[in-house]
PDB file of N, CA and C in Angstrom:
ATOM      1  N   MET A   1     -33.386  23.294  -9.372  1.00  0.00           N
ATOM      2  CA  MET A   1     -32.750  22.143  -8.780  1.00  0.00           C
ATOM      3  C   MET A   1     -32.039  21.316  -9.848  1.00  0.00           C
ATOM      4  N   ASP A   2     -32.673  21.195 -10.985  1.00  0.00           N
ATOM      5  CA  ASP A   2     -32.097  20.407 -12.059  1.00  0.00           C
ATOM      6  C   ASP A   2     -30.850  21.075 -12.624  1.00  0.00           C
ATOM      7  N   ALA A   3     -30.852  22.399 -12.675  1.00  0.00           N
ATOM      8  CA  ALA A   3     -29.703  23.130 -13.198  1.00  0.00           C
ATOM      9  C   ALA A   3     -28.497  22.992 -12.275  1.00  0.00           C
ATOM     10  N   THR A   4     -28.720  22.964 -10.957  1.00  0.00           N
ATOM     11  CA  THR A   4     -27.602  22.853 -10.018  1.00  0.00           C
ATOM     12  C   THR A   4     -26.950  21.481 -10.098  1.00  0.00           C
ATOM     13  N   SER A   5     -27.757  20.446 -10.232  1.00  0.00           N
ATOM     14  CA  SER A   5     -27.168  19.115 -10.324  1.00  0.00           C
ATOM     15  C   SER A   5     -26.418  18.952 -11.635  1.00  0.00           C
ATOM     16  N   SER A   6     -26.919  19.598 -12.694  1.00  0.00           N
ATOM     17  CA  SER A   6     -26.227  19.553 -13.974  1.00  0.00           C
ATOM     18  C   SER A   6     -24.888  20.279 -13.892  1.00  0.00           C
ATOM     19  N   LEU A   7     -24.880  21.430 -13.217  1.00  0.00           N
ATOM     20  CA  LEU A   7     -23.627  22.170 -13.038  1.00  0.00           C
ATOM     21  C   LEU A   7     -22.638  21.381 -12.181  1.00  0.00           C
ATOM     22  N   ALA A   8     -23.136  20.700 -11.163  1.00  0.00           N
ATOM     23  CA  ALA A   8     -22.264  19.890 -10.315  1.00  0.00           C
ATOM     24  C   ALA A   8     -21.665  18.738 -11.104  1.00  0.00           C
ATOM     25  N   ALA A   9     -22.479  18.123 -11.958  1.00  0.00           N
ATOM     26  CA  ALA A   9     -21.979  17.025 -12.784  1.00  0.00           C
ATOM     27  C   ALA A   9     -20.919  17.515 -13.758  1.00  0.00           C
ATOM     28  N   GLN A  10     -21.133  18.706 -14.319  1.00  0.00           N
ATOM     29  CA  GLN A  10     -20.143  19.268 -15.241  1.00  0.00           C
ATOM     30  C   GLN A  10     -18.846  19.609 -14.518  1.00  0.00           C
ATOM     31  N   ALA A  11     -18.951  20.149 -13.309  1.00  0.00           N
ATOM     32  CA  ALA A  11     -17.757  20.475 -12.530  1.00  0.00           C
ATOM     33  C   ALA A  11     -16.993  19.211 -12.166  1.00  0.00           C
ATOM     34  N   TYR A  12     -17.733  18.158 -11.825  1.00  0.00           N
ATOM     35  CA  TYR A  12     -17.084  16.881 -11.502  1.00  0.00           C
ATOM     36  C   TYR A  12     -16.367  16.318 -12.726  1.00  0.00           C
ATOM     37  N   ALA A  13     -17.026  16.365 -13.873  1.00  0.00           N
ATOM     38  CA  ALA A  13     -16.433  15.854 -15.102  1.00  0.00           C
ATOM     39  C   ALA A  13     -15.177  16.639 -15.475  1.00  0.00           C
ATOM     40  N   ALA A  14     -15.173  17.944 -15.172  1.00  0.00           N
ATOM     41  CA  ALA A  14     -14.006  18.770 -15.501  1.00  0.00           C
ATOM     42  C   ALA A  14     -12.818  18.451 -14.602  1.00  0.00           C
ATOM     43  N   THR A  15     -13.071  18.076 -13.340  1.00  0.00           N
ATOM     44  CA  THR A  15     -11.970  17.785 -12.429  1.00  0.00           C
ATOM     45  C   THR A  15     -11.563  16.320 -12.448  1.00  0.00           C
ATOM     46  N   ARG A  16     -12.330  15.481 -13.059  1.00  0.00           N
ATOM     47  CA  ARG A  16     -12.025  14.046 -13.095  1.00  0.00           C
ATOM     48  C   ARG A  16     -10.647  13.754 -13.679  1.00  0.00           C
ATOM     49  N   PRO A  17     -10.215  14.369 -14.791  1.00  0.00           N
ATOM     50  CA  PRO A  17      -8.881  14.075 -15.321  1.00  0.00           C
ATOM     51  C   PRO A  17      -7.756  14.409 -14.336  1.00  0.00           C
ATOM     52  N   ALA A  18      -7.951  15.379 -13.466  1.00  0.00           N
ATOM     53  CA  ALA A  18      -6.918  15.750 -12.507  1.00  0.00           C
ATOM     54  C   ALA A  18      -6.720  14.672 -11.449  1.00  0.00           C
ATOM     55  N   THR A  19      -7.756  13.888 -11.186  1.00  0.00           N
ATOM     56  CA  THR A  19      -7.655  12.858 -10.153  1.00  0.00           C
ATOM     57  C   THR A  19      -7.387  11.476 -10.725  1.00  0.00           C
ATOM     58  N   ALA A  20      -7.359  11.350 -12.034  1.00  0.00           N
ATOM     59  CA  ALA A  20      -7.116  10.058 -12.666  1.00  0.00           C
ATOM     60  C   ALA A  20      -5.661   9.648 -12.474  1.00  0.00           C
ATOM     61  N   PRO A  21      -5.383   8.338 -12.377  1.00  0.00           N
ATOM     62  CA  PRO A  21      -3.998   7.904 -12.230  1.00  0.00           C
ATOM     63  C   PRO A  21      -3.175   8.241 -13.461  1.00  0.00           C
ATOM     64  N   THR A  22      -1.902   8.510 -13.229  1.00  0.00           N
ATOM     65  CA  THR A  22      -0.999   8.844 -14.327  1.00  0.00           C
ATOM     66  C   THR A  22      -0.610   7.564 -15.059  1.00  0.00           C
ATOM     67  N   PRO A  23      -0.922   7.467 -16.351  1.00  0.00           N
ATOM     68  CA  PRO A  23      -0.573   6.239 -17.075  1.00  0.00           C
ATOM     69  C   PRO A  23       0.914   6.196 -17.411  1.00  0.00           C
ATOM     70  N   THR A  24       1.445   5.001 -17.489  1.00  0.00           N
ATOM     71  CA  THR A  24       2.829   4.801 -17.910  1.00  0.00           C
ATOM     72  C   THR A  24       2.846   4.600 -19.421  1.00  0.00           C
ATOM     73  N   PRO A  25       4.017   4.618 -20.056  1.00  0.00           N
ATOM     74  CA  PRO A  25       4.065   4.448 -21.514  1.00  0.00           C
ATOM     75  C   PRO A  25       3.413   3.160 -22.010  1.00  0.00           C
ATOM     76  N   ASP A  26       3.398   2.105 -21.175  1.00  0.00           N
ATOM     77  CA  ASP A  26       2.787   0.854 -21.632  1.00  0.00           C
ATOM     78  C   ASP A  26       1.272   0.824 -21.404  1.00  0.00           C
ATOM     79  N   GLY A  27       0.708   1.935 -20.878  1.00  0.00           N
ATOM     80  CA  GLY A  27      -0.732   2.044 -20.751  1.00  0.00           C
ATOM     81  C   GLY A  27      -1.297   1.683 -19.391  1.00  0.00           C
ATOM     82  N   GLN A  28      -0.480   1.140 -18.506  1.00  0.00           N
ATOM     83  CA  GLN A  28      -0.971   0.780 -17.178  1.00  0.00           C
ATOM     84  C   GLN A  28      -0.781   1.958 -16.232  1.00  0.00           C
ATOM     85  N   ALA A  29      -1.526   1.951 -15.138  1.00  0.00           N
ATOM     86  CA  ALA A  29      -1.405   3.015 -14.144  1.00  0.00           C
ATOM     87  C   ALA A  29      -0.062   2.906 -13.432  1.00  0.00           C
ATOM     88  N   ALA A  30       0.523   4.041 -13.103  1.00  0.00           N
ATOM     89  CA  ALA A  30       1.816   4.069 -12.424  1.00  0.00           C
ATOM     90  C   ALA A  30       1.654   3.655 -10.960  1.00  0.00           C
ATOM     91  N   ASP A  31       2.632   2.925 -10.432  1.00  0.00           N
ATOM     92  CA  ASP A  31       2.648   2.545  -9.022  1.00  0.00           C
ATOM     93  C   ASP A  31       3.212   3.703  -8.215  1.00  0.00           C
ATOM     94  N   THR A  32       2.369   4.400  -7.486  1.00  0.00           N
ATOM     95  CA  THR A  32       2.826   5.505  -6.656  1.00  0.00           C
ATOM     96  C   THR A  32       2.205   5.393  -5.289  1.00  0.00           C
ATOM     97  N   GLY A  33       2.855   5.979  -4.326  1.00  0.00           N
ATOM     98  CA  GLY A  33       2.302   6.093  -2.989  1.00  0.00           C
ATOM     99  C   GLY A  33       2.020   4.771  -2.314  1.00  0.00           C
ATOM    100  N   PHE A  34       0.812   4.660  -1.807  1.00  0.00           N
ATOM    101  CA  PHE A  34       0.436   3.497  -1.005  1.00  0.00           C
ATOM    102  C   PHE A  34       0.445   2.209  -1.821  1.00  0.00           C
ATOM    103  N   ALA A  35       0.087   2.284  -3.094  1.00  0.00           N
ATOM    104  CA  ALA A  35       0.079   1.082  -3.926  1.00  0.00           C
ATOM    105  C   ALA A  35       1.481   0.487  -4.035  1.00  0.00           C
ATOM    106  N   LYS A  36       2.479   1.345  -4.169  1.00  0.00           N
ATOM    107  CA  LYS A  36       3.867   0.868  -4.258  1.00  0.00           C
ATOM    108  C   LYS A  36       4.299   0.244  -2.935  1.00  0.00           C
ATOM    109  N   LEU A  37       3.916   0.872  -1.820  1.00  0.00           N
ATOM    110  CA  LEU A  37       4.259   0.316  -0.516  1.00  0.00           C
ATOM    111  C   LEU A  37       3.618  -1.048  -0.308  1.00  0.00           C
ATOM    112  N   ALA A  38       2.364  -1.174  -0.693  1.00  0.00           N
ATOM    113  CA  ALA A  38       1.666  -2.445  -0.541  1.00  0.00           C
ATOM    114  C   ALA A  38       2.298  -3.520  -1.422  1.00  0.00           C
ATOM    115  N   THR A  39       2.691  -3.140  -2.621  1.00  0.00           N
ATOM    116  CA  THR A  39       3.335  -4.094  -3.531  1.00  0.00           C
ATOM    117  C   THR A  39       4.682  -4.545  -2.977  1.00  0.00           C
ATOM    118  N   ASP A  40       5.473  -3.598  -2.452  1.00  0.00           N
ATOM    119  CA  ASP A  40       6.763  -3.948  -1.859  1.00  0.00           C
ATOM    120  C   ASP A  40       6.592  -4.843  -0.639  1.00  0.00           C
ATOM    121  N   PHE A  41       5.578  -4.556   0.179  1.00  0.00           N
ATOM    122  CA  PHE A  41       5.312  -5.374   1.364  1.00  0.00           C
ATOM    123  C   PHE A  41       4.958  -6.801   0.952  1.00  0.00           C
ATOM    124  N   ALA A  42       4.079  -6.936  -0.028  1.00  0.00           N
ATOM    125  CA  ALA A  42       3.678  -8.264  -0.489  1.00  0.00           C
ATOM    126  C   ALA A  42       4.864  -9.029  -1.077  1.00  0.00           C
ATOM    127  N   ARG A  43       5.712  -8.325  -1.817  1.00  0.00           N
ATOM    128  CA  ARG A  43       6.881  -8.968  -2.415  1.00  0.00           C
ATOM    129  C   ARG A  43       7.852  -9.448  -1.329  1.00  0.00           C
ATOM    130  N   THR A  44       8.064  -8.620  -0.300  1.00  0.00           N
ATOM    131  CA  THR A  44       8.952  -9.002   0.797  1.00  0.00           C
ATOM    132  C   THR A  44       8.415 -10.231   1.524  1.00  0.00           C
ATOM    133  N   MET A  45       7.110 -10.243   1.769  1.00  0.00           N
ATOM    134  CA  MET A  45       6.498 -11.391   2.450  1.00  0.00           C
ATOM    135  C   MET A  45       6.635 -12.664   1.614  1.00  0.00           C
ATOM    136  N   GLN A  46       6.432 -12.529   0.306  1.00  0.00           N
ATOM    137  CA  GLN A  46       6.528 -13.685  -0.584  1.00  0.00           C
ATOM    138  C   GLN A  46       7.964 -14.217  -0.643  1.00  0.00           C
ATOM    139  N   GLN A  47       8.943 -13.320  -0.707  1.00  0.00           N
ATOM    140  CA  GLN A  47      10.340 -13.751  -0.734  1.00  0.00           C
ATOM    141  C   GLN A  47      10.716 -14.447   0.566  1.00  0.00           C
ATOM    142  N   GLY A  48      10.252 -13.919   1.688  1.00  0.00           N
ATOM    143  CA  GLY A  48      10.522 -14.547   2.981  1.00  0.00           C
ATOM    144  C   GLY A  48       9.923 -15.931   3.065  1.00  0.00           C
ATOM    145  N   GLU A  49       8.688 -16.076   2.555  1.00  0.00           N
ATOM    146  CA  GLU A  49       8.027 -17.380   2.575  1.00  0.00           C
ATOM    147  C   GLU A  49       8.752 -18.381   1.677  1.00  0.00           C
ATOM    148  N   THR A  50       9.168 -17.921   0.504  1.00  0.00           N
ATOM    149  CA  THR A  50       9.889 -18.793  -0.423  1.00  0.00           C
ATOM    150  C   THR A  50      11.211 -19.259   0.186  1.00  0.00           C
ATOM    151  N   THR A  51      11.936 -18.349   0.805  1.00  0.00           N
ATOM    152  CA  THR A  51      13.209 -18.697   1.436  1.00  0.00           C
ATOM    153  C   THR A  51      12.994 -19.631   2.625  1.00  0.00           C
ATOM    154  N   ALA A  52      11.932 -19.401   3.385  1.00  0.00           N
ATOM    155  CA  ALA A  52      11.638 -20.272   4.530  1.00  0.00           C
ATOM    156  C   ALA A  52      11.309 -21.687   4.066  1.00  0.00           C
ATOM    157  N   LYS A  53      10.542 -21.808   2.992  1.00  0.00           N
ATOM    158  CA  LYS A  53      10.230 -23.138   2.454  1.00  0.00           C
ATOM    159  C   LYS A  53      11.502 -23.840   1.979  1.00  0.00           C
ATOM    160  N   ALA A  54      12.363 -23.071   1.304  1.00  0.00           N
ATOM    161  CA  ALA A  54      13.619 -23.656   0.821  1.00  0.00           C
ATOM    162  C   ALA A  54      14.508 -24.050   1.992  1.00  0.00           C
ATOM    163  N   GLY A  55      14.486 -23.274   3.072  1.00  0.00           N
ATOM    164  CA  GLY A  55      15.279 -23.598   4.256  1.00  0.00           C
ATOM    165  C   GLY A  55      14.797 -24.863   4.937  1.00  0.00           C
ATOM    166  N   MET A  56      13.492 -25.098   4.939  1.00  0.00           N
ATOM    167  CA  MET A  56      12.937 -26.305   5.563  1.00  0.00           C
ATOM    168  C   MET A  56      13.291 -27.562   4.789  1.00  0.00           C
ATOM    169  N   THR A  57      13.443 -27.431   3.485  1.00  0.00           N
ATOM    170  CA  THR A  57      13.788 -28.588   2.667  1.00  0.00           C
ATOM    171  C   THR A  57      15.295 -28.730   2.481  1.00  0.00           C
ATOM    172  N   GLY A  58      16.062 -27.815   3.059  1.00  0.00           N
ATOM    173  CA  GLY A  58      17.510 -27.890   2.960  1.00  0.00           C
ATOM    174  C   GLY A  58      18.065 -27.247   1.700  1.00  0.00           C
ATOM    175  N   GLY A  59      17.252 -26.496   0.979  1.00  0.00           N
ATOM    176  CA  GLY A  59      17.694 -25.892  -0.274  1.00  0.00           C
ATOM    177  C   GLY A  59      18.196 -24.473  -0.136  1.00  0.00           C
ATOM    178  N   ALA A  60      18.210 -23.936   1.082  1.00  0.00           N
ATOM    179  CA  ALA A  60      18.650 -22.546   1.258  1.00  0.00           C
ATOM    180  C   ALA A  60      19.737 -22.477   2.326  1.00  0.00           C
ATOM    181  N   ASP A  61      20.609 -21.524   2.164  1.00  0.00           N
ATOM    182  CA  ASP A  61      21.669 -21.262   3.124  1.00  0.00           C
ATOM    183  C   ASP A  61      21.040 -20.732   4.420  1.00  0.00           C
ATOM    184  N   PRO A  62      21.506 -21.187   5.586  1.00  0.00           N
ATOM    185  CA  PRO A  62      20.934 -20.684   6.846  1.00  0.00           C
ATOM    186  C   PRO A  62      21.054 -19.164   6.994  1.00  0.00           C
ATOM    187  N   LEU A  63      22.137 -18.580   6.499  1.00  0.00           N
ATOM    188  CA  LEU A  63      22.305 -17.136   6.562  1.00  0.00           C
ATOM    189  C   LEU A  63      21.232 -16.425   5.737  1.00  0.00           C
ATOM    190  N   ALA A  64      20.950 -16.946   4.541  1.00  0.00           N
ATOM    191  CA  ALA A  64      19.905 -16.360   3.688  1.00  0.00           C
ATOM    192  C   ALA A  64      18.542 -16.475   4.358  1.00  0.00           C
ATOM    193  N   LEU A  65      18.315 -17.580   5.062  1.00  0.00           N
ATOM    194  CA  LEU A  65      17.053 -17.769   5.771  1.00  0.00           C
ATOM    195  C   LEU A  65      16.893 -16.741   6.889  1.00  0.00           C
ATOM    196  N   VAL A  66      17.956 -16.520   7.656  1.00  0.00           N
ATOM    197  CA  VAL A  66      17.913 -15.548   8.750  1.00  0.00           C
ATOM    198  C   VAL A  66      17.694 -14.140   8.191  1.00  0.00           C
ATOM    199  N   GLN A  67      18.369 -13.800   7.099  1.00  0.00           N
ATOM    200  CA  GLN A  67      18.198 -12.479   6.493  1.00  0.00           C
ATOM    201  C   GLN A  67      16.777 -12.283   5.977  1.00  0.00           C
ATOM    202  N   ALA A  68      16.233 -13.298   5.341  1.00  0.00           N
ATOM    203  CA  ALA A  68      14.872 -13.193   4.814  1.00  0.00           C
ATOM    204  C   ALA A  68      13.861 -13.046   5.943  1.00  0.00           C
ATOM    205  N   LEU A  69      14.050 -13.786   7.018  1.00  0.00           N
ATOM    206  CA  LEU A  69      13.141 -13.687   8.156  1.00  0.00           C
ATOM    207  C   LEU A  69      13.257 -12.317   8.831  1.00  0.00           C
ATOM    208  N   ALA A  70      14.458 -11.769   8.901  1.00  0.00           N
ATOM    209  CA  ALA A  70      14.651 -10.446   9.488  1.00  0.00           C
ATOM    210  C   ALA A  70      13.971  -9.369   8.632  1.00  0.00           C
ATOM    211  N   GLN A  71      14.082  -9.485   7.324  1.00  0.00           N
ATOM    212  CA  GLN A  71      13.420  -8.534   6.434  1.00  0.00           C
ATOM    213  C   GLN A  71      11.905  -8.635   6.564  1.00  0.00           C
ATOM    214  N   THR A  72      11.399  -9.851   6.665  1.00  0.00           N
ATOM    215  CA  THR A  72       9.963 -10.058   6.827  1.00  0.00           C
ATOM    216  C   THR A  72       9.483  -9.481   8.152  1.00  0.00           C
ATOM    217  N   GLU A  73      10.249  -9.710   9.214  1.00  0.00           N
ATOM    218  CA  GLU A  73       9.882  -9.170  10.522  1.00  0.00           C
ATOM    219  C   GLU A  73       9.856  -7.642  10.495  1.00  0.00           C
ATOM    220  N   LEU A  74      10.836  -7.050   9.861  1.00  0.00           N
ATOM    221  CA  LEU A  74      10.888  -5.588   9.750  1.00  0.00           C
ATOM    222  C   LEU A  74       9.698  -5.058   8.958  1.00  0.00           C
ATOM    223  N   ALA A  75       9.329  -5.741   7.881  1.00  0.00           N
ATOM    224  CA  ALA A  75       8.191  -5.314   7.064  1.00  0.00           C
ATOM    225  C   ALA A  75       6.889  -5.383   7.860  1.00  0.00           C
ATOM    226  N   VAL A  76       6.711  -6.454   8.633  1.00  0.00           N
ATOM    227  CA  VAL A  76       5.499  -6.596   9.436  1.00  0.00           C
ATOM    228  C   VAL A  76       5.457  -5.535  10.539  1.00  0.00           C
ATOM    229  N   GLU A  77       6.590  -5.299  11.203  1.00  0.00           N
ATOM    230  CA  GLU A  77       6.638  -4.278  12.250  1.00  0.00           C
ATOM    231  C   GLU A  77       6.336  -2.891  11.687  1.00  0.00           C
ATOM    232  N   THR A  78       6.824  -2.601  10.483  1.00  0.00           N
ATOM    233  CA  THR A  78       6.554  -1.324   9.847  1.00  0.00           C
ATOM    234  C   THR A  78       5.072  -1.192   9.509  1.00  0.00           C
ATOM    235  N   ALA A  79       4.485  -2.258   8.968  1.00  0.00           N
ATOM    236  CA  ALA A  79       3.059  -2.232   8.635  1.00  0.00           C
ATOM    237  C   ALA A  79       2.208  -2.030   9.884  1.00  0.00           C
ATOM    238  N   VAL A  80       2.576  -2.673  10.975  1.00  0.00           N
ATOM    239  CA  VAL A  80       1.831  -2.518  12.228  1.00  0.00           C
ATOM    240  C   VAL A  80       1.972  -1.097  12.767  1.00  0.00           C
ATOM    241  N   ALA A  81       3.168  -0.529  12.657  1.00  0.00           N
ATOM    242  CA  ALA A  81       3.382   0.843  13.127  1.00  0.00           C
ATOM    243  C   ALA A  81       2.558   1.839  12.305  1.00  0.00           C
ATOM    244  N   VAL A  82       2.504   1.644  10.993  1.00  0.00           N
ATOM    245  CA  VAL A  82       1.704   2.519  10.133  1.00  0.00           C
ATOM    246  C   VAL A  82       0.225   2.372  10.472  1.00  0.00           C
ATOM    247  N   ARG A  83      -0.211   1.134  10.668  1.00  0.00           N
ATOM    248  CA  ARG A  83      -1.606   0.904  11.033  1.00  0.00           C
ATOM    249  C   ARG A  83      -1.948   1.593  12.341  1.00  0.00           C
ATOM    250  N   ASP A  84      -1.057   1.489  13.329  1.00  0.00           N
ATOM    251  CA  ASP A  84      -1.290   2.124  14.626  1.00  0.00           C
ATOM    252  C   ASP A  84      -1.395   3.641  14.490  1.00  0.00           C
ATOM    253  N   LYS A  85      -0.544   4.236  13.651  1.00  0.00           N
ATOM    254  CA  LYS A  85      -0.589   5.686  13.449  1.00  0.00           C
ATOM    255  C   LYS A  85      -1.891   6.106  12.760  1.00  0.00           C
ATOM    256  N   VAL A  86      -2.357   5.312  11.810  1.00  0.00           N
ATOM    257  CA  VAL A  86      -3.610   5.618  11.121  1.00  0.00           C
ATOM    258  C   VAL A  86      -4.777   5.541  12.098  1.00  0.00           C
ATOM    259  N   VAL A  87      -4.803   4.506  12.928  1.00  0.00           N
ATOM    260  CA  VAL A  87      -5.867   4.366  13.922  1.00  0.00           C
ATOM    261  C   VAL A  87      -5.816   5.511  14.922  1.00  0.00           C
ATOM    262  N   GLU A  88      -4.609   5.881  15.339  1.00  0.00           N
ATOM    263  CA  GLU A  88      -4.452   6.994  16.277  1.00  0.00           C
ATOM    264  C   GLU A  88      -4.958   8.306  15.667  1.00  0.00           C
ATOM    265  N   ALA A  89      -4.647   8.539  14.405  1.00  0.00           N
ATOM    266  CA  ALA A  89      -5.117   9.755  13.725  1.00  0.00           C
ATOM    267  C   ALA A  89      -6.636   9.744  13.591  1.00  0.00           C
ATOM    268  N   TYR A  90      -7.199   8.593  13.280  1.00  0.00           N
ATOM    269  CA  TYR A  90      -8.654   8.476  13.167  1.00  0.00           C
ATOM    270  C   TYR A  90      -9.324   8.765  14.504  1.00  0.00           C
ATOM    271  N   GLN A  91      -8.775   8.216  15.571  1.00  0.00           N
ATOM    272  CA  GLN A  91      -9.344   8.465  16.893  1.00  0.00           C
ATOM    273  C   GLN A  91      -9.223   9.939  17.274  1.00  0.00           C
ATOM    274  N   GLU A  92      -8.144  10.558  16.873  1.00  0.00           N
ATOM    275  CA  GLU A  92      -7.958  11.992  17.160  1.00  0.00           C
ATOM    276  C   GLU A  92      -8.989  12.822  16.401  1.00  0.00           C
ATOM    277  N   ILE A  93      -9.288  12.433  15.180  1.00  0.00           N
ATOM    278  CA  ILE A  93     -10.315  13.133  14.397  1.00  0.00           C
ATOM    279  C   ILE A  93     -11.685  12.966  15.056  1.00  0.00           C
ATOM    280  N   LEU A  94     -11.956  11.774  15.570  1.00  0.00           N
ATOM    281  CA  LEU A  94     -13.251  11.536  16.231  1.00  0.00           C
ATOM    282  C   LEU A  94     -13.406  12.379  17.495  1.00  0.00           C
ATOM    283  N   ARG A  95     -12.308  12.707  18.129  1.00  0.00           N
ATOM    284  CA  ARG A  95     -12.359  13.520  19.357  1.00  0.00           C
ATOM    285  C   ARG A  95     -12.550  15.013  19.081  1.00  0.00           C
ATOM    286  N   MET A  96     -12.394  15.423  17.856  1.00  0.00           N
ATOM    287  CA  MET A  96     -12.525  16.849  17.510  1.00  0.00           C
ATOM    288  C   MET A  96     -13.966  17.308  17.707  1.00  0.00           C
ATOM    289  N   PRO A  97     -14.130  18.507  18.265  1.00  0.00           N
ATOM    290  CA  PRO A  97     -15.498  19.023  18.400  1.00  0.00           C
ATOM    291  C   PRO A  97     -16.064  19.450  17.051  1.00  0.00           C
ATOM    292  N   VAL A  98     -17.347  19.266  16.908  1.00  0.00           N
ATOM    293  CA  VAL A  98     -17.992  19.587  15.620  1.00  0.00           C
ATOM    294  C   VAL A  98     -18.457  20.994  15.578  1.00  0.00           C
TER     295      VAL A  98
END
């Protein structure tokens, strides 16, 4: 029993580098996949909020405000659609016979 767990630990240690994030030249992990999407979503939301605040105080062009709100709405609708697809896939997996 002890030998099998040791072999499993060695196999895990050997595959660990393959699953590690790819570092960038500056030493930080690269933004890929879902992390990049989440970062872009957060940035879009922040820009929309900043433009909306500026529009309320009269510091932003009304056209820029409408564009920022449209981009924010599109980002939220996309996030909701992705969430719905993930939930649908999860429910489909739960329906699979074992």
